[in-house]
Amino acid sequence: MRSSAAARRYARALFSIAQEEAGIGEVKDELAQFSALLEQHAELHKALFQPLHPAAERRTVLIGVCERLRLRPSVRNFFTFLVDKRRLVDFEGIREEYERLADEAAGRKKASVISAAPLGERDRERLERALSARTGGVVELDVDVDPSLIGGVIAKVGALVFDGSLRTQLNQLRASLTKGH
């Protein structure tokens, strides 16, 4: 999901609050915990996100959920603020942007990897080390499988793309042969 401009603004505001409280990682965990709860309980999601329910009712339910999850007061206040501003619908975008900011602050980077076949643990570790060395930060892999690559991997870290796929190598060889080089 691509976050909206509003979601990015709200995520930066929450991140700033978490920095002041020295709780960046804890807030990230609490947002993930809340997100997982919403995924597990469709009725709760419906009660909080459908405008059919009055804002005061949604706020009461939300405060109860926050207390049950033992979320810090700043996160609870942030959620009630989102309800009041009718921006709770941006929650997933806010969570994703907050995670990106938290990872960036901790020197972690996410790499989107497309592999021709599932990667074994050893191959994952080697790829993580290689990408970490190349990008100058700790890299975490998000791997998808695409058998059309034939072999190899394509890794994207931020704007950098490392294409080691057999398909690309064959296309380059084909282009070289058709040019006569």
C-alpha atoms as a PDB file:
ATOM      1  CA  MET A   1       0.000   0.000   0.000  1.00  0.00           C
ATOM      2  CA  ARG A   2       1.320   3.418  -0.918  1.00  0.00           C
ATOM      3  CA  SER A   3       0.751   5.966   1.831  1.00  0.00           C
ATOM      4  CA  SER A   4      -1.004   9.253   1.131  1.00  0.00           C
ATOM      5  CA  ALA A   5       0.512  12.659   1.842  1.00  0.00           C
ATOM      6  CA  ALA A   6      -1.728  12.925   4.918  1.00  0.00           C
ATOM      7  CA  ALA A   7      -0.602   9.508   6.167  1.00  0.00           C
ATOM      8  CA  ARG A   8       3.035  10.542   5.778  1.00  0.00           C
ATOM      9  CA  ARG A   9       2.399  13.775   7.700  1.00  0.00           C
ATOM     10  CA  TYR A  10       0.658  11.962  10.548  1.00  0.00           C
ATOM     11  CA  ALA A  11       3.384   9.301  10.649  1.00  0.00           C
ATOM     12  CA  ARG A  12       6.081  11.986  10.894  1.00  0.00           C
ATOM     13  CA  ALA A  13       4.161  13.668  13.728  1.00  0.00           C
ATOM     14  CA  LEU A  14       3.861  10.380  15.635  1.00  0.00           C
ATOM     15  CA  PHE A  15       7.524   9.631  14.954  1.00  0.00           C
ATOM     16  CA  SER A  16       8.474  13.021  16.410  1.00  0.00           C
ATOM     17  CA  ILE A  17       6.463  12.277  19.561  1.00  0.00           C
ATOM     18  CA  ALA A  18       8.092   8.841  19.845  1.00  0.00           C
ATOM     19  CA  GLN A  19      11.554  10.406  19.496  1.00  0.00           C
ATOM     20  CA  GLU A  20      10.804  12.799  22.346  1.00  0.00           C
ATOM     21  CA  GLU A  21       9.694   9.850  24.498  1.00  0.00           C
ATOM     22  CA  ALA A  22      12.684   7.740  23.392  1.00  0.00           C
ATOM     23  CA  GLY A  23      10.237   5.051  22.338  1.00  0.00           C
ATOM     24  CA  ILE A  24      10.560   4.727  18.561  1.00  0.00           C
ATOM     25  CA  GLY A  25      10.780   0.925  18.591  1.00  0.00           C
ATOM     26  CA  GLU A  26       8.037   0.508  21.178  1.00  0.00           C
ATOM     27  CA  VAL A  27       5.609   2.661  19.172  1.00  0.00           C
ATOM     28  CA  LYS A  28       6.471   0.650  16.040  1.00  0.00           C
ATOM     29  CA  ASP A  29       5.639  -2.547  17.942  1.00  0.00           C
ATOM     30  CA  GLU A  30       2.381  -1.089  19.281  1.00  0.00           C
ATOM     31  CA  LEU A  31       1.265  -0.027  15.797  1.00  0.00           C
ATOM     32  CA  ALA A  32       2.021  -3.532  14.510  1.00  0.00           C
ATOM     33  CA  GLN A  33       0.122  -5.048  17.434  1.00  0.00           C
ATOM     34  CA  PHE A  34      -2.915  -2.853  16.718  1.00  0.00           C
ATOM     35  CA  SER A  35      -2.741  -3.683  13.003  1.00  0.00           C
ATOM     36  CA  ALA A  36      -2.613  -7.427  13.729  1.00  0.00           C
ATOM     37  CA  LEU A  37      -5.630  -7.112  16.023  1.00  0.00           C
ATOM     38  CA  LEU A  38      -7.604  -5.366  13.271  1.00  0.00           C
ATOM     39  CA  GLU A  39      -6.690  -8.127  10.811  1.00  0.00           C
ATOM     40  CA  GLN A  40      -7.827 -10.821  13.243  1.00  0.00           C
ATOM     41  CA  HIS A  41     -11.132  -9.176  14.173  1.00  0.00           C
ATOM     42  CA  ALA A  42     -13.189  -7.992  11.212  1.00  0.00           C
ATOM     43  CA  GLU A  43     -16.002  -6.755  13.476  1.00  0.00           C
ATOM     44  CA  LEU A  44     -13.603  -4.506  15.372  1.00  0.00           C
ATOM     45  CA  HIS A  45     -12.238  -3.183  12.095  1.00  0.00           C
ATOM     46  CA  LYS A  46     -15.764  -2.487  10.903  1.00  0.00           C
ATOM     47  CA  ALA A  47     -16.741  -0.767  14.166  1.00  0.00           C
ATOM     48  CA  LEU A  48     -13.726   1.541  14.068  1.00  0.00           C
ATOM     49  CA  PHE A  49     -13.501   2.321  10.373  1.00  0.00           C
ATOM     50  CA  GLN A  50     -17.091   2.637   9.209  1.00  0.00           C
ATOM     51  CA  PRO A  51     -18.490   6.148   9.573  1.00  0.00           C
ATOM     52  CA  LEU A  52     -21.874   4.527  10.244  1.00  0.00           C
ATOM     53  CA  HIS A  53     -20.834   4.513  13.917  1.00  0.00           C
ATOM     54  CA  PRO A  54     -20.660   7.936  15.621  1.00  0.00           C
ATOM     55  CA  ALA A  55     -17.168   9.274  16.335  1.00  0.00           C
ATOM     56  CA  ALA A  56     -17.772   9.258  20.103  1.00  0.00           C
ATOM     57  CA  GLU A  57     -18.712   5.571  19.951  1.00  0.00           C
ATOM     58  CA  ARG A  58     -15.630   4.735  17.877  1.00  0.00           C
ATOM     59  CA  ARG A  59     -13.435   6.739  20.256  1.00  0.00           C
ATOM     60  CA  THR A  60     -14.804   4.783  23.251  1.00  0.00           C
ATOM     61  CA  VAL A  61     -14.176   1.447  21.529  1.00  0.00           C
ATOM     62  CA  LEU A  62     -10.703   2.578  20.506  1.00  0.00           C
ATOM     63  CA  ILE A  63      -9.765   3.687  24.028  1.00  0.00           C
ATOM     64  CA  GLY A  64     -10.927   0.316  25.362  1.00  0.00           C
ATOM     65  CA  VAL A  65      -8.805  -1.510  22.792  1.00  0.00           C
ATOM     66  CA  CYS A  66      -5.783   0.660  23.596  1.00  0.00           C
ATOM     67  CA  GLU A  67      -6.159  -0.033  27.316  1.00  0.00           C
ATOM     68  CA  ARG A  68      -6.554  -3.768  26.722  1.00  0.00           C
ATOM     69  CA  LEU A  69      -3.411  -3.784  24.552  1.00  0.00           C
ATOM     70  CA  ARG A  70      -1.644  -1.589  27.146  1.00  0.00           C
ATOM     71  CA  LEU A  71      -0.631   0.963  24.527  1.00  0.00           C
ATOM     72  CA  ARG A  72       1.253   3.996  25.752  1.00  0.00           C
ATOM     73  CA  PRO A  73      -0.836   7.141  26.342  1.00  0.00           C
ATOM     74  CA  SER A  74       0.735   8.992  23.413  1.00  0.00           C
ATOM     75  CA  VAL A  75      -0.351   6.246  20.982  1.00  0.00           C
ATOM     76  CA  ARG A  76      -3.841   6.154  22.499  1.00  0.00           C
ATOM     77  CA  ASN A  77      -4.088   9.952  22.178  1.00  0.00           C
ATOM     78  CA  PHE A  78      -2.824   9.736  18.615  1.00  0.00           C
ATOM     79  CA  PHE A  79      -5.520   7.198  17.722  1.00  0.00           C
ATOM     80  CA  THR A  80      -8.286   9.304  19.282  1.00  0.00           C
ATOM     81  CA  PHE A  81      -6.945  12.321  17.383  1.00  0.00           C
ATOM     82  CA  LEU A  82      -7.197  10.299  14.152  1.00  0.00           C
ATOM     83  CA  VAL A  83     -10.812   9.425  14.963  1.00  0.00           C
ATOM     84  CA  ASP A  84     -11.628  13.074  15.679  1.00  0.00           C
ATOM     85  CA  LYS A  85     -10.016  14.182  12.405  1.00  0.00           C
ATOM     86  CA  ARG A  86     -11.644  11.314  10.461  1.00  0.00           C
ATOM     87  CA  ARG A  87      -8.203  10.012   9.516  1.00  0.00           C
ATOM     88  CA  LEU A  88      -8.269   6.561  11.093  1.00  0.00           C
ATOM     89  CA  VAL A  89      -8.884   5.305   7.543  1.00  0.00           C
ATOM     90  CA  ASP A  90      -5.241   6.246   6.857  1.00  0.00           C
ATOM     91  CA  PHE A  91      -3.991   3.979   9.659  1.00  0.00           C
ATOM     92  CA  GLU A  92      -2.255   1.383   7.453  1.00  0.00           C
ATOM     93  CA  GLY A  93      -0.487   4.080   5.447  1.00  0.00           C
ATOM     94  CA  ILE A  94       0.543   5.799   8.682  1.00  0.00           C
ATOM     95  CA  ARG A  95       1.841   2.518  10.118  1.00  0.00           C
ATOM     96  CA  GLU A  96       3.845   1.722   6.972  1.00  0.00           C
ATOM     97  CA  GLU A  97       5.391   5.192   6.855  1.00  0.00           C
ATOM     98  CA  TYR A  98       6.149   5.106  10.579  1.00  0.00           C
ATOM     99  CA  GLU A  99       7.892   1.737  10.144  1.00  0.00           C
ATOM    100  CA  ARG A 100       9.945   3.189   7.294  1.00  0.00           C
ATOM    101  CA  LEU A 101      10.977   6.162   9.450  1.00  0.00           C
ATOM    102  CA  ALA A 102      11.814   3.910  12.412  1.00  0.00           C
ATOM    103  CA  ASP A 103      13.854   1.562  10.229  1.00  0.00           C
ATOM    104  CA  GLU A 104      15.673   4.496   8.649  1.00  0.00           C
ATOM    105  CA  ALA A 105      16.486   5.945  12.089  1.00  0.00           C
ATOM    106  CA  ALA A 106      17.873   2.558  13.171  1.00  0.00           C
ATOM    107  CA  GLY A 107      19.969   2.206   9.997  1.00  0.00           C
ATOM    108  CA  ARG A 108      17.789  -0.603   8.632  1.00  0.00           C
ATOM    109  CA  LYS A 109      16.757  -0.779   4.998  1.00  0.00           C
ATOM    110  CA  LYS A 110      14.211  -3.013   3.321  1.00  0.00           C
ATOM    111  CA  ALA A 111      15.140  -4.831   0.150  1.00  0.00           C
ATOM    112  CA  SER A 112      12.460  -6.097  -2.205  1.00  0.00           C
ATOM    113  CA  VAL A 113      13.860  -9.244  -3.748  1.00  0.00           C
ATOM    114  CA  ILE A 114      12.400 -11.223  -6.623  1.00  0.00           C
ATOM    115  CA  SER A 115      13.883 -14.681  -6.919  1.00  0.00           C
ATOM    116  CA  ALA A 116      13.409 -17.422  -9.497  1.00  0.00           C
ATOM    117  CA  ALA A 117      12.998 -19.961  -6.677  1.00  0.00           C
ATOM    118  CA  PRO A 118      12.564 -19.796  -2.898  1.00  0.00           C
ATOM    119  CA  LEU A 119      15.791 -18.800  -1.155  1.00  0.00           C
ATOM    120  CA  GLY A 120      17.316 -21.104   1.422  1.00  0.00           C
ATOM    121  CA  GLU A 121      18.450 -19.671   4.753  1.00  0.00           C
ATOM    122  CA  ARG A 122      22.107 -19.661   3.692  1.00  0.00           C
ATOM    123  CA  ASP A 123      21.343 -17.853   0.419  1.00  0.00           C
ATOM    124  CA  ARG A 124      19.181 -15.310   2.273  1.00  0.00           C
ATOM    125  CA  GLU A 125      21.974 -14.573   4.724  1.00  0.00           C
ATOM    126  CA  ARG A 126      24.552 -14.206   1.939  1.00  0.00           C
ATOM    127  CA  LEU A 127      22.271 -11.864   0.018  1.00  0.00           C
ATOM    128  CA  GLU A 128      21.528  -9.804   3.139  1.00  0.00           C
ATOM    129  CA  ARG A 129      25.262  -9.477   3.877  1.00  0.00           C
ATOM    130  CA  ALA A 130      26.082  -8.527   0.282  1.00  0.00           C
ATOM    131  CA  LEU A 131      23.311  -5.920   0.086  1.00  0.00           C
ATOM    132  CA  SER A 132      24.206  -4.562   3.531  1.00  0.00           C
ATOM    133  CA  ALA A 133      27.827  -4.128   2.467  1.00  0.00           C
ATOM    134  CA  ARG A 134      26.794  -2.508  -0.818  1.00  0.00           C
ATOM    135  CA  THR A 135      24.274  -0.077   0.715  1.00  0.00           C
ATOM    136  CA  GLY A 136      26.043   0.722   3.978  1.00  0.00           C
ATOM    137  CA  GLY A 137      23.196  -0.302   6.282  1.00  0.00           C
ATOM    138  CA  VAL A 138      21.492  -3.343   7.718  1.00  0.00           C
ATOM    139  CA  VAL A 139      19.237  -4.820   5.042  1.00  0.00           C
ATOM    140  CA  GLU A 140      16.130  -6.907   5.672  1.00  0.00           C
ATOM    141  CA  LEU A 141      14.797  -8.949   2.763  1.00  0.00           C
ATOM    142  CA  ASP A 142      11.228  -9.170   1.533  1.00  0.00           C
ATOM    143  CA  VAL A 143      11.373 -12.041  -0.971  1.00  0.00           C
ATOM    144  CA  ASP A 144       8.861 -12.867  -3.699  1.00  0.00           C
ATOM    145  CA  VAL A 145       9.238 -15.754  -6.138  1.00  0.00           C
ATOM    146  CA  ASP A 146       8.858 -15.293  -9.907  1.00  0.00           C
ATOM    147  CA  PRO A 147       9.722 -18.445 -11.894  1.00  0.00           C
ATOM    148  CA  SER A 148       9.834 -16.411 -15.140  1.00  0.00           C
ATOM    149  CA  LEU A 149      13.262 -15.105 -14.052  1.00  0.00           C
ATOM    150  CA  ILE A 150      14.625 -18.560 -14.899  1.00  0.00           C
ATOM    151  CA  GLY A 151      17.461 -18.101 -12.387  1.00  0.00           C
ATOM    152  CA  GLY A 152      19.087 -15.479 -10.154  1.00  0.00           C
ATOM    153  CA  VAL A 153      17.524 -12.563  -8.283  1.00  0.00           C
ATOM    154  CA  ILE A 154      16.540  -8.919  -8.655  1.00  0.00           C
ATOM    155  CA  ALA A 155      16.990  -6.830  -5.507  1.00  0.00           C
ATOM    156  CA  LYS A 156      15.728  -3.304  -4.983  1.00  0.00           C
ATOM    157  CA  VAL A 157      16.903  -1.240  -2.005  1.00  0.00           C
ATOM    158  CA  GLY A 158      15.428   2.243  -2.138  1.00  0.00           C
ATOM    159  CA  ALA A 159      16.263   3.594  -5.601  1.00  0.00           C
ATOM    160  CA  LEU A 160      19.078   1.064  -6.182  1.00  0.00           C
ATOM    161  CA  VAL A 161      18.300  -1.977  -8.312  1.00  0.00           C
ATOM    162  CA  PHE A 162      20.634  -4.971  -8.501  1.00  0.00           C
ATOM    163  CA  ASP A 163      19.554  -7.235 -11.338  1.00  0.00           C
ATOM    164  CA  GLY A 164      21.330 -10.575 -11.311  1.00  0.00           C
ATOM    165  CA  SER A 165      18.568 -12.490 -13.035  1.00  0.00           C
ATOM    166  CA  LEU A 166      19.312 -15.000 -15.761  1.00  0.00           C
ATOM    167  CA  ARG A 167      16.528 -13.474 -17.849  1.00  0.00           C
ATOM    168  CA  THR A 168      18.281 -10.068 -17.864  1.00  0.00           C
ATOM    169  CA  GLN A 169      21.652 -11.655 -18.604  1.00  0.00           C
ATOM    170  CA  LEU A 170      20.148 -13.539 -21.557  1.00  0.00           C
ATOM    171  CA  ASN A 171      18.472 -10.348 -22.829  1.00  0.00           C
ATOM    172  CA  GLN A 172      21.790  -8.499 -22.605  1.00  0.00           C
ATOM    173  CA  LEU A 173      23.555 -11.316 -24.441  1.00  0.00           C
ATOM    174  CA  ARG A 174      20.841 -11.290 -27.130  1.00  0.00           C
ATOM    175  CA  ALA A 175      21.164  -7.512 -27.536  1.00  0.00           C
ATOM    176  CA  SER A 176      24.945  -7.801 -27.771  1.00  0.00           C
ATOM    177  CA  LEU A 177      24.743 -10.559 -30.386  1.00  0.00           C
ATOM    178  CA  THR A 178      22.178  -8.680 -32.523  1.00  0.00           C
ATOM    179  CA  LYS A 179      24.419  -5.575 -32.532  1.00  0.00           C
ATOM    180  CA  GLY A 180      27.295  -7.690 -33.759  1.00  0.00           C
ATOM    181  CA  HIS A 181      29.625  -7.004 -30.813  1.00  0.00           C
END
